Amino acid sequence: FYGPVAPSEKGTRSRLEGSVTAEVAVT
């Protein structure tokens, strides 16, 4: 998980933003 963080691009384009803020093994 990344964020919450302000996006560098808004609308329909996305890129990974910032650094990992949490991670979890998939149950």
PDB file of all heavy atoms in Angstrom:
ATOM      1  N   PHE A   1       0.841  -1.197   0.000  1.00  0.00           N
ATOM      2  CA  PHE A   1       0.000   0.000   0.000  1.00  0.00           C
ATOM      3  C   PHE A   1       0.876   1.246   0.000  1.00  0.00           C
ATOM      4  O   PHE A   1       1.898   1.303   0.689  1.00  0.00           O
ATOM      5  CB  PHE A   1      -0.906   0.007   1.232  1.00  0.00           C
ATOM      6  CG  PHE A   1      -1.926  -1.087   1.216  1.00  0.00           C
ATOM      7  CD1 PHE A   1      -1.612  -2.379   1.624  1.00  0.00           C
ATOM      8  CD2 PHE A   1      -3.218  -0.841   0.778  1.00  0.00           C
ATOM      9  CE1 PHE A   1      -2.549  -3.393   1.599  1.00  0.00           C
ATOM     10  CE2 PHE A   1      -4.171  -1.857   0.753  1.00  0.00           C
ATOM     11  CZ  PHE A   1      -3.831  -3.137   1.164  1.00  0.00           C
ATOM     12  N   TYR A   2       0.440   2.250  -0.748  1.00  0.00           N
ATOM     13  CA  TYR A   2       1.114   3.537  -0.844  1.00  0.00           C
ATOM     14  C   TYR A   2       0.102   4.629  -0.505  1.00  0.00           C
ATOM     15  O   TYR A   2      -1.046   4.550  -0.932  1.00  0.00           O
ATOM     16  CB  TYR A   2       1.617   3.768  -2.277  1.00  0.00           C
ATOM     17  CG  TYR A   2       2.614   2.747  -2.755  1.00  0.00           C
ATOM     18  CD1 TYR A   2       2.217   1.462  -3.126  1.00  0.00           C
ATOM     19  CD2 TYR A   2       3.958   3.070  -2.839  1.00  0.00           C
ATOM     20  CE1 TYR A   2       3.136   0.529  -3.576  1.00  0.00           C
ATOM     21  CE2 TYR A   2       4.893   2.138  -3.289  1.00  0.00           C
ATOM     22  CZ  TYR A   2       4.470   0.879  -3.647  1.00  0.00           C
ATOM     23  OH  TYR A   2       5.378  -0.055  -4.090  1.00  0.00           O
ATOM     24  N   GLY A   3       0.530   5.641   0.234  1.00  0.00           N
ATOM     25  CA  GLY A   3      -0.350   6.763   0.531  1.00  0.00           C
ATOM     26  C   GLY A   3      -1.001   6.653   1.886  1.00  0.00           C
ATOM     27  O   GLY A   3      -0.678   5.757   2.666  1.00  0.00           O
ATOM     28  N   PRO A   4      -1.905   7.595   2.205  1.00  0.00           N
ATOM     29  CA  PRO A   4      -2.434   8.602   1.297  1.00  0.00           C
ATOM     30  C   PRO A   4      -1.388   9.661   0.951  1.00  0.00           C
ATOM     31  O   PRO A   4      -0.631  10.109   1.795  1.00  0.00           O
ATOM     32  CB  PRO A   4      -3.605   9.211   2.058  1.00  0.00           C
ATOM     33  CG  PRO A   4      -3.386   8.864   3.489  1.00  0.00           C
ATOM     34  CD  PRO A   4      -2.520   7.668   3.531  1.00  0.00           C
ATOM     35  N   VAL A   5      -1.401  10.030  -0.326  1.00  0.00           N
ATOM     36  CA  VAL A   5      -0.446  10.987  -0.861  1.00  0.00           C
ATOM     37  C   VAL A   5      -1.120  11.742  -2.001  1.00  0.00           C
ATOM     38  O   VAL A   5      -2.019  11.214  -2.655  1.00  0.00           O
ATOM     39  CB  VAL A   5       0.833  10.251  -1.347  1.00  0.00           C
ATOM     40  CG1 VAL A   5       0.521   9.298  -2.475  1.00  0.00           C
ATOM     41  CG2 VAL A   5       1.942  11.221  -1.723  1.00  0.00           C
ATOM     42  N   ALA A   6      -0.686  12.984  -2.224  1.00  0.00           N
ATOM     43  CA  ALA A   6      -1.205  13.753  -3.357  1.00  0.00           C
ATOM     44  C   ALA A   6      -0.664  13.133  -4.642  1.00  0.00           C
ATOM     45  O   ALA A   6       0.529  12.845  -4.739  1.00  0.00           O
ATOM     46  CB  ALA A   6      -0.781  15.208  -3.245  1.00  0.00           C
ATOM     47  N   PRO A   7      -1.521  12.917  -5.629  1.00  0.00           N
ATOM     48  CA  PRO A   7      -1.052  12.296  -6.874  1.00  0.00           C
ATOM     49  C   PRO A   7      -0.297  13.296  -7.749  1.00  0.00           C
ATOM     50  O   PRO A   7      -0.616  14.483  -7.778  1.00  0.00           O
ATOM     51  CB  PRO A   7      -2.356  11.856  -7.552  1.00  0.00           C
ATOM     52  CG  PRO A   7      -3.374  12.833  -7.060  1.00  0.00           C
ATOM     53  CD  PRO A   7      -2.966  13.162  -5.647  1.00  0.00           C
ATOM     54  N   SER A   8       0.690  12.809  -8.477  1.00  0.00           N
ATOM     55  CA  SER A   8       1.404  13.669  -9.421  1.00  0.00           C
ATOM     56  C   SER A   8       0.607  13.821 -10.717  1.00  0.00           C
ATOM     57  O   SER A   8       0.807  14.774 -11.456  1.00  0.00           O
ATOM     58  CB  SER A   8       2.796  13.111  -9.714  1.00  0.00           C
ATOM     59  OG  SER A   8       2.699  11.816 -10.269  1.00  0.00           O
ATOM     60  N   GLU A   9      -0.285  12.868 -10.985  1.00  0.00           N
ATOM     61  CA  GLU A   9      -1.171  12.937 -12.144  1.00  0.00           C
ATOM     62  C   GLU A   9      -2.594  12.722 -11.664  1.00  0.00           C
ATOM     63  O   GLU A   9      -2.835  11.882 -10.808  1.00  0.00           O
ATOM     64  CB  GLU A   9      -0.823  11.868 -13.177  1.00  0.00           C
ATOM     65  CG  GLU A   9       0.550  12.033 -13.775  1.00  0.00           C
ATOM     66  CD  GLU A   9       0.797  11.049 -14.900  1.00  0.00           C
ATOM     67  OE1 GLU A   9      -0.022  11.011 -15.838  1.00  0.00           O
ATOM     68  OE2 GLU A   9       1.793  10.326 -14.823  1.00  0.00           O
ATOM     69  N   LYS A  10      -3.526  13.480 -12.207  1.00  0.00           N
ATOM     70  CA  LYS A  10      -4.927  13.335 -11.818  1.00  0.00           C
ATOM     71  C   LYS A  10      -5.735  12.861 -13.007  1.00  0.00           C
ATOM     72  O   LYS A  10      -5.306  12.954 -14.142  1.00  0.00           O
ATOM     73  CB  LYS A  10      -5.468  14.666 -11.284  1.00  0.00           C
ATOM     74  CG  LYS A  10      -4.748  15.096 -10.017  1.00  0.00           C
ATOM     75  CD  LYS A  10      -5.332  16.334  -9.412  1.00  0.00           C
ATOM     76  CE  LYS A  10      -4.565  16.656  -8.132  1.00  0.00           C
ATOM     77  NZ  LYS A  10      -5.178  17.736  -7.390  1.00  0.00           N
ATOM     78  N   GLY A  11      -6.916  12.339 -12.723  1.00  0.00           N
ATOM     79  CA  GLY A  11      -7.766  11.850 -13.795  1.00  0.00           C
ATOM     80  C   GLY A  11      -7.555  10.368 -14.021  1.00  0.00           C
ATOM     81  O   GLY A  11      -7.422   9.599 -13.072  1.00  0.00           O
ATOM     82  N   THR A  12      -7.492   9.968 -15.276  1.00  0.00           N
ATOM     83  CA  THR A  12      -7.460   8.540 -15.603  1.00  0.00           C
ATOM     84  C   THR A  12      -6.057   7.956 -15.687  1.00  0.00           C
ATOM     85  O   THR A  12      -5.905   6.773 -15.959  1.00  0.00           O
ATOM     86  CB  THR A  12      -8.187   8.280 -16.932  1.00  0.00           C
ATOM     87  OG1 THR A  12      -7.528   9.038 -17.960  1.00  0.00           O
ATOM     88  CG2 THR A  12      -9.650   8.662 -16.848  1.00  0.00           C
ATOM     89  N   ARG A  13      -5.033   8.763 -15.467  1.00  0.00           N
ATOM     90  CA  ARG A  13      -3.653   8.251 -15.491  1.00  0.00           C
ATOM     91  C   ARG A  13      -3.163   8.108 -14.061  1.00  0.00           C
ATOM     92  O   ARG A  13      -3.414   8.968 -13.218  1.00  0.00           O
ATOM     93  CB  ARG A  13      -2.741   9.173 -16.275  1.00  0.00           C
ATOM     94  CG  ARG A  13      -3.120   9.232 -17.747  1.00  0.00           C
ATOM     95  CD  ARG A  13      -2.184  10.135 -18.509  1.00  0.00           C
ATOM     96  NE  ARG A  13      -0.780   9.801 -18.305  1.00  0.00           N
ATOM     97  CZ  ARG A  13      -0.059   9.027 -19.109  1.00  0.00           C
ATOM     98  NH1 ARG A  13      -0.633   8.476 -20.158  1.00  0.00           N
ATOM     99  NH2 ARG A  13       1.210   8.791 -18.863  1.00  0.00           N
ATOM    100  N   SER A  14      -2.428   7.030 -13.795  1.00  0.00           N
ATOM    101  CA  SER A  14      -1.902   6.783 -12.452  1.00  0.00           C
ATOM    102  C   SER A  14      -0.486   6.241 -12.548  1.00  0.00           C
ATOM    103  O   SER A  14      -0.129   5.584 -13.520  1.00  0.00           O
ATOM    104  CB  SER A  14      -2.765   5.766 -11.702  1.00  0.00           C
ATOM    105  OG  SER A  14      -4.053   6.251 -11.506  1.00  0.00           O
ATOM    106  N   ARG A  15       0.276   6.513 -11.510  1.00  0.00           N
ATOM    107  CA  ARG A  15       1.593   5.899 -11.330  1.00  0.00           C
ATOM    108  C   ARG A  15       1.761   5.675  -9.845  1.00  0.00           C
ATOM    109  O   ARG A  15       1.128   6.364  -9.037  1.00  0.00           O
ATOM    110  CB  ARG A  15       2.700   6.766 -11.887  1.00  0.00           C
ATOM    111  CG  ARG A  15       2.826   8.100 -11.166  1.00  0.00           C
ATOM    112  CD  ARG A  15       4.014   8.912 -11.568  1.00  0.00           C
ATOM    113  NE  ARG A  15       4.083   9.004 -13.007  1.00  0.00           N
ATOM    114  CZ  ARG A  15       4.835   9.848 -13.659  1.00  0.00           C
ATOM    115  NH1 ARG A  15       5.597  10.673 -13.002  1.00  0.00           N
ATOM    116  NH2 ARG A  15       4.845   9.891 -14.962  1.00  0.00           N
ATOM    117  N   LEU A  16       2.584   4.708  -9.468  1.00  0.00           N
ATOM    118  CA  LEU A  16       2.833   4.491  -8.047  1.00  0.00           C
ATOM    119  C   LEU A  16       3.428   5.755  -7.457  1.00  0.00           C
ATOM    120  O   LEU A  16       4.340   6.351  -8.032  1.00  0.00           O
ATOM    121  CB  LEU A  16       3.781   3.317  -7.828  1.00  0.00           C
ATOM    122  CG  LEU A  16       3.161   1.938  -7.922  1.00  0.00           C
ATOM    123  CD1 LEU A  16       4.229   0.863  -7.779  1.00  0.00           C
ATOM    124  CD2 LEU A  16       2.079   1.745  -6.886  1.00  0.00           C
ATOM    125  N   GLU A  17       2.895   6.159  -6.308  1.00  0.00           N
ATOM    126  CA  GLU A  17       3.300   7.415  -5.688  1.00  0.00           C
ATOM    127  C   GLU A  17       3.918   7.160  -4.319  1.00  0.00           C
ATOM    128  O   GLU A  17       3.346   6.454  -3.493  1.00  0.00           O
ATOM    129  CB  GLU A  17       2.082   8.333  -5.512  1.00  0.00           C
ATOM    130  CG  GLU A  17       1.377   8.694  -6.798  1.00  0.00           C
ATOM    131  CD  GLU A  17       2.076   9.765  -7.612  1.00  0.00           C
ATOM    132  OE1 GLU A  17       3.128  10.292  -7.180  1.00  0.00           O
ATOM    133  OE2 GLU A  17       1.573  10.092  -8.700  1.00  0.00           O
ATOM    134  N   GLY A  18       5.081   7.746  -4.084  1.00  0.00           N
ATOM    135  CA  GLY A  18       5.699   7.685  -2.767  1.00  0.00           C
ATOM    136  C   GLY A  18       6.287   6.328  -2.460  1.00  0.00           C
ATOM    137  O   GLY A  18       6.655   5.561  -3.344  1.00  0.00           O
ATOM    138  N   SER A  19       6.353   6.041  -1.173  1.00  0.00           N
ATOM    139  CA  SER A  19       6.925   4.774  -0.730  1.00  0.00           C
ATOM    140  C   SER A  19       5.847   3.925  -0.054  1.00  0.00           C
ATOM    141  O   SER A  19       4.761   4.415   0.273  1.00  0.00           O
ATOM    142  CB  SER A  19       8.091   5.023   0.233  1.00  0.00           C
ATOM    143  OG  SER A  19       7.648   5.795   1.326  1.00  0.00           O
ATOM    144  N   VAL A  20       6.163   2.674   0.159  1.00  0.00           N
ATOM    145  CA  VAL A  20       5.222   1.747   0.791  1.00  0.00           C
ATOM    146  C   VAL A  20       4.929   2.228   2.214  1.00  0.00           C
ATOM    147  O   VAL A  20       5.852   2.485   2.988  1.00  0.00           O
ATOM    148  CB  VAL A  20       5.793   0.311   0.811  1.00  0.00           C
ATOM    149  CG1 VAL A  20       4.903  -0.625   1.592  1.00  0.00           C
ATOM    150  CG2 VAL A  20       5.998  -0.189  -0.610  1.00  0.00           C
ATOM    151  N   THR A  21       3.638   2.362   2.537  1.00  0.00           N
ATOM    152  CA  THR A  21       3.239   2.779   3.886  1.00  0.00           C
ATOM    153  C   THR A  21       2.704   1.620   4.716  1.00  0.00           C
ATOM    154  O   THR A  21       2.622   1.720   5.930  1.00  0.00           O
ATOM    155  CB  THR A  21       2.186   3.909   3.837  1.00  0.00           C
ATOM    156  OG1 THR A  21       1.083   3.484   3.038  1.00  0.00           O
ATOM    157  CG2 THR A  21       2.781   5.177   3.247  1.00  0.00           C
ATOM    158  N   ALA A  22       2.342   0.528   4.043  1.00  0.00           N
ATOM    159  CA  ALA A  22       1.886  -0.682   4.748  1.00  0.00           C
ATOM    160  C   ALA A  22       1.944  -1.837   3.761  1.00  0.00           C
ATOM    161  O   ALA A  22       1.852  -1.637   2.550  1.00  0.00           O
ATOM    162  CB  ALA A  22       0.467  -0.507   5.280  1.00  0.00           C
ATOM    163  N   GLU A  23       2.089  -3.053   4.282  1.00  0.00           N
ATOM    164  CA  GLU A  23       2.025  -4.241   3.436  1.00  0.00           C
ATOM    165  C   GLU A  23       1.464  -5.381   4.261  1.00  0.00           C
ATOM    166  O   GLU A  23       1.584  -5.399   5.485  1.00  0.00           O
ATOM    167  CB  GLU A  23       3.377  -4.598   2.846  1.00  0.00           C
ATOM    168  CG  GLU A  23       4.468  -4.876   3.835  1.00  0.00           C
ATOM    169  CD  GLU A  23       5.802  -5.148   3.146  1.00  0.00           C
ATOM    170  OE1 GLU A  23       6.199  -4.393   2.251  1.00  0.00           O
ATOM    171  OE2 GLU A  23       6.432  -6.149   3.526  1.00  0.00           O
ATOM    172  N   VAL A  24       0.820  -6.308   3.563  1.00  0.00           N
ATOM    173  CA  VAL A  24       0.184  -7.427   4.253  1.00  0.00           C
ATOM    174  C   VAL A  24       0.210  -8.652   3.338  1.00  0.00           C
ATOM    175  O   VAL A  24       0.077  -8.530   2.117  1.00  0.00           O
ATOM    176  CB  VAL A  24      -1.261  -7.068   4.674  1.00  0.00           C
ATOM    177  CG1 VAL A  24      -2.174  -6.872   3.472  1.00  0.00           C
ATOM    178  CG2 VAL A  24      -1.841  -8.091   5.634  1.00  0.00           C
ATOM    179  N   ALA A  25       0.385  -9.812   3.938  1.00  0.00           N
ATOM    180  CA  ALA A  25       0.262 -11.057   3.186  1.00  0.00           C
ATOM    181  C   ALA A  25      -1.199 -11.229   2.782  1.00  0.00           C
ATOM    182  O   ALA A  25      -2.108 -10.866   3.541  1.00  0.00           O
ATOM    183  CB  ALA A  25       0.713 -12.234   4.047  1.00  0.00           C
ATOM    184  N   VAL A  26      -1.435 -11.750   1.598  1.00  0.00           N
ATOM    185  CA  VAL A  26      -2.801 -11.989   1.148  1.00  0.00           C
ATOM    186  C   VAL A  26      -3.346 -13.191   1.913  1.00  0.00           C
ATOM    187  O   VAL A  26      -2.731 -14.261   1.938  1.00  0.00           O
ATOM    188  CB  VAL A  26      -2.855 -12.222  -0.370  1.00  0.00           C
ATOM    189  CG1 VAL A  26      -4.256 -12.612  -0.817  1.00  0.00           C
ATOM    190  CG2 VAL A  26      -2.382 -10.974  -1.108  1.00  0.00           C
ATOM    191  N   THR A  27      -4.497 -13.002   2.543  1.00  0.00           N
ATOM    192  CA  THR A  27      -5.138 -14.073   3.300  1.00  0.00           C
ATOM    193  C   THR A  27      -5.597 -15.168   2.341  1.00  0.00           C
ATOM    194  O   THR A  27      -6.241 -14.884   1.322  1.00  0.00           O
ATOM    195  CB  THR A  27      -6.340 -13.526   4.095  1.00  0.00           C
ATOM    196  OG1 THR A  27      -5.864 -12.565   5.041  1.00  0.00           O
ATOM    197  CG2 THR A  27      -7.086 -14.628   4.822  1.00  0.00           C
TER     198      THR A  27
END
